[in-house]
N, C-alpha and C. Protein backbone atom coordinates (compact mmCIF):
# COMPACT_ATOMS: atom_id res chain seq x y z
N MET A 1 0.79 -1.28 0.05
CA MET A 1 0.06 -0.06 -0.06
C MET A 1 0.89 1.27 0.09
N ASP A 2 1.98 1.24 0.89
CA ASP A 2 2.64 2.48 0.92
C ASP A 2 3.57 2.63 -0.37
N ARG A 3 4.07 1.61 -1.07
CA ARG A 3 4.75 1.68 -2.36
C ARG A 3 3.66 2.45 -3.39
N HIS A 4 2.48 1.91 -3.53
CA HIS A 4 1.43 2.30 -4.41
C HIS A 4 1.38 3.87 -4.16
N ARG A 5 1.14 4.47 -2.92
CA ARG A 5 0.85 5.74 -2.49
C ARG A 5 2.19 6.38 -2.96
N LEU A 6 3.37 5.96 -2.78
CA LEU A 6 4.47 6.73 -3.17
C LEU A 6 4.61 6.92 -4.61
N ILE A 7 4.15 5.95 -5.27
CA ILE A 7 4.27 5.99 -6.96
C ILE A 7 3.21 7.03 -7.32
N GLU A 8 2.09 7.06 -6.57
CA GLU A 8 1.01 8.01 -6.89
C GLU A 8 1.41 9.48 -6.62
N LEU A 9 2.16 9.48 -5.39
CA LEU A 9 2.61 10.89 -5.08
C LEU A 9 3.62 11.41 -6.06
N ILE A 10 4.65 10.56 -6.43
CA ILE A 10 5.78 10.87 -7.55
C ILE A 10 5.16 11.34 -8.81
N ASN A 11 4.00 10.55 -9.21
CA ASN A 11 3.47 10.92 -10.49
C ASN A 11 2.74 12.27 -10.40
N GLN A 12 2.08 12.58 -9.16
CA GLN A 12 1.42 13.80 -8.98
C GLN A 12 2.31 14.90 -8.67
N LEU A 13 3.32 14.77 -7.95
CA LEU A 13 4.32 15.86 -7.61
C LEU A 13 5.38 16.17 -8.52
N ALA A 14 6.07 14.97 -9.06
CA ALA A 14 7.34 15.19 -9.81
C ALA A 14 7.40 14.86 -11.18
N VAL A 15 6.36 14.25 -11.89
CA VAL A 15 6.61 14.01 -13.25
C VAL A 15 5.77 15.22 -13.96
N VAL A 16 6.70 15.70 -14.77
CA VAL A 16 6.43 17.07 -15.63
C VAL A 16 6.47 16.57 -17.01
N HIS A 17 5.39 16.84 -17.67
CA HIS A 17 5.41 16.46 -19.10
C HIS A 17 5.78 17.50 -20.01
N GLY A 18 6.53 17.32 -21.17
CA GLY A 18 6.97 18.31 -22.00
C GLY A 18 8.26 18.08 -22.39
N GLU A 19 8.83 18.59 -23.50
CA GLU A 19 10.14 18.56 -23.91
C GLU A 19 11.18 18.93 -22.94
N VAL A 20 12.29 18.31 -22.63
CA VAL A 20 13.36 18.73 -21.69
C VAL A 20 14.60 18.23 -22.09
N ILE A 21 15.68 19.00 -21.78
CA ILE A 21 17.05 18.30 -22.04
C ILE A 21 17.60 18.05 -20.58
N LEU A 22 17.88 16.87 -20.43
CA LEU A 22 18.55 16.32 -18.99
C LEU A 22 19.81 16.78 -18.88
N SER A 23 20.42 16.69 -17.70
CA SER A 23 21.67 17.18 -17.53
C SER A 23 22.79 16.57 -18.24
N SER A 24 22.37 15.30 -18.68
CA SER A 24 23.34 14.37 -19.48
C SER A 24 23.32 14.88 -20.83
N GLY A 25 22.39 15.71 -21.34
CA GLY A 25 22.29 16.18 -22.76
C GLY A 25 21.19 15.34 -23.48
N ILE A 26 20.62 14.34 -22.88
CA ILE A 26 19.61 13.47 -23.44
C ILE A 26 18.36 14.32 -23.47
N LYS A 27 17.54 14.19 -24.43
CA LYS A 27 16.26 14.76 -24.85
C LYS A 27 15.24 13.85 -24.39
N ALA A 28 14.30 14.28 -23.59
CA ALA A 28 13.20 13.55 -23.24
C ALA A 28 11.82 14.34 -23.27
N ASP A 29 10.63 13.64 -23.39
CA ASP A 29 9.38 14.37 -23.46
C ASP A 29 8.66 14.44 -22.05
N TYR A 30 9.40 14.11 -20.86
CA TYR A 30 9.10 14.20 -19.50
C TYR A 30 10.26 14.46 -18.84
N TYR A 31 9.94 14.99 -17.61
CA TYR A 31 11.12 15.05 -16.68
C TYR A 31 10.58 14.65 -15.14
N VAL A 32 11.47 13.83 -14.51
CA VAL A 32 11.06 13.48 -13.27
C VAL A 32 11.87 14.36 -12.32
N ASP A 33 11.19 15.42 -11.78
CA ASP A 33 11.77 16.39 -10.91
C ASP A 33 11.49 15.89 -9.40
N LEU A 34 12.48 14.98 -9.07
CA LEU A 34 12.18 14.11 -7.76
C LEU A 34 12.16 15.01 -6.44
N ARG A 35 12.88 16.25 -6.58
CA ARG A 35 12.98 17.03 -5.36
C ARG A 35 11.54 17.50 -4.91
N ARG A 36 10.66 17.50 -5.95
CA ARG A 36 9.11 17.84 -5.59
C ARG A 36 8.60 16.80 -4.79
N ALA A 37 9.02 15.59 -4.92
CA ALA A 37 8.59 14.51 -3.91
C ALA A 37 9.38 14.28 -2.72
N THR A 38 10.82 14.36 -2.90
CA THR A 38 11.71 14.00 -1.78
C THR A 38 11.61 15.11 -0.68
N LEU A 39 11.10 16.24 -1.02
CA LEU A 39 11.03 17.23 -0.05
C LEU A 39 9.48 17.59 0.35
N HIS A 40 8.67 16.61 -0.01
CA HIS A 40 7.27 16.71 0.38
C HIS A 40 6.96 16.05 1.58
N HIS A 41 6.27 16.65 2.56
CA HIS A 41 6.04 15.89 3.77
C HIS A 41 5.63 14.38 3.77
N GLU A 42 4.59 14.10 2.93
CA GLU A 42 4.16 12.69 3.06
C GLU A 42 4.97 11.74 2.08
N ALA A 43 5.58 12.27 1.06
CA ALA A 43 6.34 11.48 0.02
C ALA A 43 7.59 11.16 0.74
N SER A 44 8.41 12.08 1.40
CA SER A 44 9.57 11.94 2.17
C SER A 44 9.65 10.82 3.02
N LYS A 45 8.44 10.80 3.89
CA LYS A 45 8.48 9.64 4.78
C LYS A 45 8.30 8.33 4.13
N LEU A 46 7.49 8.11 3.10
CA LEU A 46 7.45 7.05 2.27
C LEU A 46 8.71 6.61 1.70
N ILE A 47 9.38 7.63 1.22
CA ILE A 47 10.71 7.37 0.45
C ILE A 47 11.67 6.68 1.48
N GLY A 48 11.94 7.29 2.70
CA GLY A 48 12.71 6.71 3.68
C GLY A 48 12.28 5.35 4.15
N ALA A 49 11.21 5.05 4.42
CA ALA A 49 10.64 3.81 4.75
C ALA A 49 10.65 2.67 3.53
N GLN A 50 10.60 3.10 2.35
CA GLN A 50 10.57 2.18 1.41
C GLN A 50 12.10 1.98 0.76
N MET A 51 12.73 2.88 0.96
CA MET A 51 14.22 2.64 0.73
C MET A 51 14.90 1.74 1.81
N LEU A 52 14.47 1.94 2.93
CA LEU A 52 15.00 1.01 4.01
C LEU A 52 14.62 -0.57 3.55
N GLN A 53 13.24 -0.62 3.50
CA GLN A 53 12.78 -1.90 3.09
C GLN A 53 13.37 -2.72 2.04
N MET A 54 13.65 -1.68 0.84
CA MET A 54 14.37 -2.48 -0.32
C MET A 54 15.68 -2.72 -0.02
N LEU A 55 16.37 -1.97 0.88
CA LEU A 55 17.79 -2.27 1.04
C LEU A 55 17.78 -3.60 1.92
N THR A 56 17.00 -3.67 2.96
CA THR A 56 16.82 -4.97 3.60
C THR A 56 16.55 -6.20 2.64
N GLU A 57 15.34 -5.97 1.79
CA GLU A 57 15.06 -7.12 1.12
C GLU A 57 16.23 -7.55 0.16
N HIS A 58 17.27 -6.76 -0.20
CA HIS A 58 18.19 -7.05 -0.95
C HIS A 58 19.53 -7.45 -0.16
N GLY A 59 19.46 -7.74 1.16
CA GLY A 59 20.30 -8.17 1.97
C GLY A 59 21.47 -7.06 2.34
N ILE A 60 21.10 -5.74 2.12
CA ILE A 60 22.07 -4.68 2.60
C ILE A 60 21.74 -4.37 3.98
N ASN A 61 22.44 -4.86 4.88
CA ASN A 61 22.11 -4.72 6.36
C ASN A 61 23.51 -4.07 6.99
N ASN A 62 23.53 -3.81 8.17
CA ASN A 62 24.42 -3.07 8.90
C ASN A 62 24.91 -1.68 8.39
N ILE A 63 23.85 -1.01 7.71
CA ILE A 63 24.11 0.29 7.17
C ILE A 63 24.35 1.22 8.26
N GLU A 64 25.44 1.87 8.15
CA GLU A 64 25.78 2.89 9.32
C GLU A 64 25.41 4.32 8.95
N ALA A 65 25.45 4.65 7.47
CA ALA A 65 25.23 5.84 7.13
C ALA A 65 24.92 6.02 5.74
N VAL A 66 24.10 6.87 5.31
CA VAL A 66 23.71 7.13 3.90
C VAL A 66 23.92 8.66 3.42
N GLY A 67 24.13 8.75 2.14
CA GLY A 67 24.36 9.93 1.63
C GLY A 67 24.79 9.93 0.16
N GLY A 68 25.00 11.19 -0.39
CA GLY A 68 25.40 11.15 -1.77
C GLY A 68 25.74 12.68 -2.23
N LEU A 69 25.87 12.78 -3.55
CA LEU A 69 26.33 14.13 -3.95
C LEU A 69 25.10 15.12 -3.69
N THR A 70 25.29 16.46 -3.01
CA THR A 70 24.48 17.20 -2.80
C THR A 70 24.01 17.86 -4.14
N MET A 71 22.76 18.04 -4.53
CA MET A 71 21.73 18.33 -3.70
C MET A 71 20.71 17.20 -3.90
N GLY A 72 20.54 16.48 -4.95
CA GLY A 72 19.59 15.38 -4.89
C GLY A 72 19.50 14.29 -4.04
N ALA A 73 20.77 13.90 -3.63
CA ALA A 73 20.85 13.00 -2.42
C ALA A 73 20.38 13.33 -1.13
N ASP A 74 20.58 14.69 -0.88
CA ASP A 74 20.31 15.30 0.48
C ASP A 74 19.01 14.77 1.17
N PRO A 75 17.88 14.89 0.48
CA PRO A 75 16.64 14.72 1.05
C PRO A 75 16.38 13.37 1.24
N VAL A 76 16.93 12.59 0.12
CA VAL A 76 16.88 11.06 0.35
C VAL A 76 17.53 10.52 1.49
N ALA A 77 18.80 10.92 1.67
CA ALA A 77 19.57 10.61 2.85
C ALA A 77 18.86 10.96 4.26
N ALA A 78 18.26 12.21 4.31
CA ALA A 78 17.58 12.70 5.37
C ALA A 78 16.38 11.67 5.68
N ALA A 79 15.67 11.39 4.59
CA ALA A 79 14.40 10.55 4.68
C ALA A 79 14.86 9.06 5.53
N ILE A 80 16.00 8.44 4.77
CA ILE A 80 16.22 7.23 5.30
C ILE A 80 16.76 7.27 6.79
N MET A 81 17.66 8.43 7.10
CA MET A 81 18.10 8.44 8.34
C MET A 81 16.85 8.78 9.55
N ASN A 82 15.73 9.53 9.13
CA ASN A 82 14.64 9.77 9.74
C ASN A 82 13.80 8.56 9.99
N ALA A 83 13.80 7.55 9.00
CA ALA A 83 12.89 6.39 9.15
C ALA A 83 13.71 5.27 9.87
N SER A 84 14.87 5.45 10.07
CA SER A 84 15.66 4.48 10.87
C SER A 84 15.93 4.76 12.29
N GLU A 85 16.43 3.91 13.02
CA GLU A 85 16.71 3.94 14.37
C GLU A 85 18.16 4.50 14.59
N ASN A 86 19.07 3.96 13.56
CA ASN A 86 20.34 4.30 13.93
C ASN A 86 21.27 4.45 12.81
N ILE A 87 20.72 4.96 11.64
CA ILE A 87 21.58 5.28 10.27
C ILE A 87 21.81 6.94 10.38
N ASP A 88 23.06 7.13 10.27
CA ASP A 88 23.42 8.62 10.01
C ASP A 88 23.35 9.03 8.67
N ALA A 89 23.41 10.33 8.41
CA ALA A 89 23.33 10.72 6.91
C ALA A 89 24.60 11.56 6.77
N PHE A 90 25.01 11.56 5.58
CA PHE A 90 26.18 12.55 5.18
C PHE A 90 25.79 13.06 3.82
N VAL A 91 26.60 14.40 3.54
CA VAL A 91 26.59 15.08 2.20
C VAL A 91 27.94 15.12 1.67
N VAL A 92 27.85 14.77 0.42
CA VAL A 92 29.11 14.98 -0.48
C VAL A 92 29.14 16.23 -1.32
N ARG A 93 30.03 17.15 -1.15
CA ARG A 93 30.09 18.14 -1.87
C ARG A 93 30.77 17.86 -3.16
N LYS A 94 30.50 18.61 -4.35
CA LYS A 94 31.02 18.36 -5.56
C LYS A 94 32.65 18.48 -5.55
N GLN A 95 33.19 19.31 -4.65
CA GLN A 95 34.57 19.33 -4.44
C GLN A 95 34.84 19.75 -3.02
N ALA A 96 36.03 19.45 -2.33
CA ALA A 96 36.33 19.78 -1.12
C ALA A 96 36.20 21.34 -0.86
N LYS A 97 35.89 21.61 0.36
CA LYS A 97 35.93 23.10 0.69
C LYS A 97 37.35 23.67 0.61
N GLN A 98 37.60 24.79 0.31
CA GLN A 98 38.83 25.43 0.26
C GLN A 98 39.11 26.06 1.55
N HIS A 99 38.30 26.14 2.60
CA HIS A 99 38.53 26.75 3.88
C HIS A 99 37.92 25.93 4.89
N GLY A 100 38.15 26.16 6.22
CA GLY A 100 37.51 25.50 7.26
C GLY A 100 38.21 24.17 7.32
N MET A 101 37.49 23.16 7.45
CA MET A 101 38.11 21.79 7.53
C MET A 101 38.49 21.20 6.19
N GLY A 102 38.24 21.84 5.12
CA GLY A 102 38.62 21.34 3.76
C GLY A 102 37.89 19.95 3.45
N ARG A 103 36.62 19.69 4.08
CA ARG A 103 36.16 18.32 3.72
C ARG A 103 35.39 18.38 2.45
N GLN A 104 35.22 17.36 1.91
CA GLN A 104 34.37 17.09 0.69
C GLN A 104 32.89 16.29 1.28
N VAL A 105 33.31 15.43 2.31
CA VAL A 105 32.08 14.74 2.92
C VAL A 105 31.73 15.34 4.29
N GLU A 106 30.58 15.82 4.39
CA GLU A 106 30.19 16.45 5.54
C GLU A 106 29.28 15.52 6.44
N GLY A 107 29.38 16.00 7.63
CA GLY A 107 28.41 15.23 8.61
C GLY A 107 29.22 14.24 9.38
N PRO A 108 28.82 13.21 10.10
CA PRO A 108 29.50 12.41 11.07
C PRO A 108 30.38 11.68 10.24
N ASP A 109 31.67 11.49 10.89
CA ASP A 109 32.71 10.82 10.15
C ASP A 109 32.24 9.38 9.64
N ILE A 110 32.64 9.26 8.45
CA ILE A 110 32.19 7.76 7.76
C ILE A 110 33.50 6.96 7.61
N SER A 111 34.59 7.30 8.02
CA SER A 111 35.88 6.50 7.84
C SER A 111 35.62 5.16 8.75
N GLY A 112 35.78 4.04 7.97
CA GLY A 112 35.66 2.81 8.56
C GLY A 112 34.17 2.25 8.73
N ARG A 113 33.26 2.97 8.16
CA ARG A 113 31.94 2.61 8.28
C ARG A 113 31.27 1.95 7.01
N GLU A 114 30.21 1.27 7.28
CA GLU A 114 29.52 0.82 6.03
C GLU A 114 28.47 1.52 5.58
N VAL A 115 28.47 2.08 4.33
CA VAL A 115 27.45 3.17 3.87
C VAL A 115 26.91 2.81 2.71
N VAL A 116 25.68 3.46 2.40
CA VAL A 116 25.04 3.44 0.96
C VAL A 116 25.11 4.60 0.46
N VAL A 117 25.52 4.72 -0.71
CA VAL A 117 25.48 5.89 -1.57
C VAL A 117 24.08 6.08 -2.18
N VAL A 118 23.38 7.29 -1.96
CA VAL A 118 22.08 7.44 -2.48
C VAL A 118 22.05 8.54 -3.56
N GLU A 119 20.78 8.51 -4.17
CA GLU A 119 20.52 9.47 -5.13
C GLU A 119 19.05 9.47 -5.64
N ASP A 120 18.34 10.57 -5.77
CA ASP A 120 17.06 10.77 -6.06
C ASP A 120 16.80 9.94 -7.27
N THR A 121 17.43 10.38 -8.37
CA THR A 121 17.36 9.69 -9.73
C THR A 121 18.62 10.01 -10.50
N SER A 122 18.79 8.90 -11.27
CA SER A 122 20.26 9.02 -11.97
C SER A 122 19.89 8.77 -13.60
N THR A 123 20.54 9.48 -14.37
CA THR A 123 20.44 9.27 -15.88
C THR A 123 21.59 8.65 -16.36
N THR A 124 22.92 9.12 -15.99
CA THR A 124 24.03 8.48 -16.53
C THR A 124 24.91 7.77 -15.62
N GLY A 125 24.63 7.93 -14.31
CA GLY A 125 25.41 7.36 -13.11
C GLY A 125 26.41 8.30 -12.53
N GLY A 126 26.55 9.39 -13.25
CA GLY A 126 27.75 10.27 -12.92
C GLY A 126 27.73 10.81 -11.48
N SER A 127 26.74 11.19 -10.92
CA SER A 127 26.51 11.62 -9.57
C SER A 127 26.84 10.79 -8.66
N PRO A 128 26.18 9.60 -8.57
CA PRO A 128 26.46 8.60 -7.55
C PRO A 128 28.04 8.08 -7.52
N LEU A 129 28.49 8.05 -8.92
CA LEU A 129 29.83 7.73 -8.83
C LEU A 129 30.80 8.61 -8.41
N THR A 130 30.58 10.03 -8.71
CA THR A 130 31.21 11.03 -8.08
C THR A 130 31.29 10.98 -6.64
N ALA A 131 30.06 10.58 -6.01
CA ALA A 131 30.03 10.71 -4.65
C ALA A 131 30.63 9.36 -4.02
N ALA A 132 30.63 8.35 -4.67
CA ALA A 132 31.26 7.09 -4.37
C ALA A 132 32.88 7.34 -4.14
N GLU A 133 33.31 8.01 -5.23
CA GLU A 133 34.68 8.21 -5.23
C GLU A 133 35.16 8.90 -3.93
N ALA A 134 34.36 10.00 -3.62
CA ALA A 134 34.81 10.99 -2.35
C ALA A 134 34.49 10.14 -1.13
N VAL A 135 33.54 9.16 -1.06
CA VAL A 135 33.21 8.26 0.25
C VAL A 135 34.37 7.40 0.27
N LYS A 136 34.78 6.71 -0.79
CA LYS A 136 35.90 5.76 -0.72
C LYS A 136 37.30 6.64 -0.17
N GLU A 137 37.41 7.62 -0.60
CA GLU A 137 38.63 8.61 -0.25
C GLU A 137 38.46 8.92 1.38
N ALA A 138 37.13 9.08 1.86
CA ALA A 138 36.94 9.44 3.23
C ALA A 138 37.14 8.21 4.06
N GLY A 139 37.08 7.02 3.42
CA GLY A 139 37.55 5.82 4.15
C GLY A 139 36.36 4.87 4.42
N ALA A 140 35.11 4.94 3.94
CA ALA A 140 34.16 4.28 4.13
C ALA A 140 34.02 2.99 3.06
N GLU A 141 33.22 2.02 3.56
CA GLU A 141 33.00 0.88 2.67
C GLU A 141 31.53 1.09 2.12
N ILE A 142 31.47 0.96 0.77
CA ILE A 142 30.22 1.17 0.19
C ILE A 142 29.49 -0.20 -0.01
N LEU A 143 28.33 -0.28 0.51
CA LEU A 143 27.59 -1.52 0.35
C LEU A 143 26.77 -1.58 -0.93
N CYS A 144 26.28 -0.39 -1.39
CA CYS A 144 25.61 -0.36 -2.69
C CYS A 144 25.50 1.09 -2.88
N ILE A 145 24.86 1.42 -4.10
CA ILE A 145 24.43 2.62 -4.78
C ILE A 145 22.81 2.45 -4.89
N ALA A 146 22.06 3.14 -4.35
CA ALA A 146 20.61 3.19 -4.56
C ALA A 146 19.90 4.43 -4.96
N THR A 147 19.03 4.23 -5.91
CA THR A 147 18.30 5.44 -6.19
C THR A 147 16.85 5.24 -5.91
N VAL A 148 16.12 6.27 -5.76
CA VAL A 148 14.60 6.34 -5.70
C VAL A 148 13.97 5.78 -6.96
N VAL A 149 14.29 6.65 -8.17
CA VAL A 149 13.82 6.55 -9.44
C VAL A 149 14.83 6.06 -10.42
N ASP A 150 14.71 5.08 -11.17
CA ASP A 150 15.50 4.65 -12.26
C ASP A 150 15.03 5.20 -13.57
N ARG A 151 15.78 6.01 -14.23
CA ARG A 151 15.38 6.68 -15.50
C ARG A 151 15.73 5.74 -16.77
N ASP A 152 16.27 4.44 -16.31
CA ASP A 152 16.43 3.40 -17.45
C ASP A 152 17.35 4.12 -18.58
N THR A 153 18.26 4.90 -18.30
CA THR A 153 19.05 5.53 -19.44
C THR A 153 20.46 5.13 -19.32
N GLY A 154 21.01 4.07 -18.71
CA GLY A 154 22.11 3.65 -18.56
C GLY A 154 22.93 3.71 -17.41
N ALA A 155 22.35 4.38 -16.32
CA ALA A 155 23.12 4.58 -15.02
C ALA A 155 23.23 3.20 -14.34
N ARG A 156 22.45 2.17 -14.51
CA ARG A 156 22.70 0.93 -13.90
C ARG A 156 23.96 0.23 -14.50
N GLU A 157 23.91 0.21 -15.60
CA GLU A 157 25.21 -0.45 -16.33
C GLU A 157 26.48 0.36 -16.05
N VAL A 158 26.60 1.55 -16.08
CA VAL A 158 27.68 2.32 -15.65
C VAL A 158 28.21 1.98 -14.25
N ILE A 159 27.21 2.16 -13.50
CA ILE A 159 27.28 1.93 -11.99
C ILE A 159 27.98 0.39 -11.67
N GLU A 160 27.28 -0.58 -12.33
CA GLU A 160 27.62 -1.88 -12.09
C GLU A 160 28.89 -2.29 -12.69
N LYS A 161 29.21 -1.51 -13.93
CA LYS A 161 30.50 -1.70 -14.47
C LYS A 161 31.68 -1.32 -13.64
N GLU A 162 31.40 -0.39 -12.77
CA GLU A 162 32.40 0.16 -11.88
C GLU A 162 32.59 -0.81 -10.41
N GLY A 163 31.77 -1.83 -10.50
CA GLY A 163 31.94 -2.69 -9.55
C GLY A 163 30.96 -2.51 -8.29
N TYR A 164 29.86 -1.69 -8.40
CA TYR A 164 28.91 -1.47 -7.37
C TYR A 164 27.62 -2.19 -7.63
N LYS A 165 26.86 -2.71 -6.49
CA LYS A 165 25.61 -3.04 -6.57
C LYS A 165 24.86 -1.86 -6.73
N TYR A 166 23.74 -1.92 -7.56
CA TYR A 166 22.80 -0.84 -7.89
C TYR A 166 21.48 -1.32 -7.58
N LEU A 167 20.84 -0.52 -6.88
CA LEU A 167 19.39 -0.82 -6.48
C LEU A 167 18.42 0.49 -6.86
N SER A 168 17.23 0.23 -7.31
CA SER A 168 16.48 1.37 -7.50
C SER A 168 15.01 0.84 -7.06
N LEU A 169 14.28 1.89 -6.44
CA LEU A 169 13.11 1.55 -5.69
C LEU A 169 11.95 1.68 -6.83
N ILE A 170 11.79 2.78 -7.61
CA ILE A 170 10.70 3.00 -8.56
C ILE A 170 11.41 3.01 -9.96
N SER A 171 10.61 2.21 -10.86
CA SER A 171 11.05 2.21 -12.37
C SER A 171 10.23 3.09 -13.18
N LEU A 172 10.60 3.35 -14.53
CA LEU A 172 9.80 4.25 -15.19
C LEU A 172 8.50 3.60 -15.68
N GLU A 173 8.50 2.21 -15.58
CA GLU A 173 7.25 1.42 -15.79
C GLU A 173 6.27 1.55 -14.69
N ASP A 174 6.87 1.56 -13.38
CA ASP A 174 6.16 1.79 -12.32
C ASP A 174 5.26 3.20 -12.36
N LEU A 175 5.82 4.17 -13.05
CA LEU A 175 5.36 5.54 -13.16
C LEU A 175 4.40 5.51 -14.61
N GLY A 176 4.33 4.45 -15.22
CA GLY A 176 3.60 4.52 -16.41
C GLY A 176 4.42 5.28 -17.43
N LEU A 177 5.70 5.41 -17.37
CA LEU A 177 6.50 6.32 -18.45
C LEU A 177 7.32 5.40 -19.37
N SER A 178 7.37 4.14 -19.19
CA SER A 178 8.14 3.35 -20.24
C SER A 178 7.49 3.10 -21.52
């Protein structure tokens, strides 16, 4: 029931019809603006719970922290953190700060911890792979990369080619867009 409600909310809030150019340069006749759902009070709670359930169902246990490249991953990580009892969240900057602590990965220290790199939706796999590189440099062990919506435009193949397990909660078919 929660999954069906989440799909309904994503369709209502985040699917925008009309020709758009994605960040990858790919032309599409719709856009999934998932921040409209990940930052929505009801959808966020469902995303956190459903992502945790999906991870558990795929044997991804002992997660200590979740996060990814700012900004798409931030509300997803917060939703998972809030749906859990003991999972921290972290934020990966596109590049390390040039002042202060000079960190690229912000939040609780993830060195030596088992983490999941998350993303709201991925077209090419570039954002989660950029985050994964920073997370590895910060000393964490990546259990998998997980997205809320898979656009089915090659991200899975690119991410898996790099040796990561890839999970996605909602497909284009689920949204009636395939």
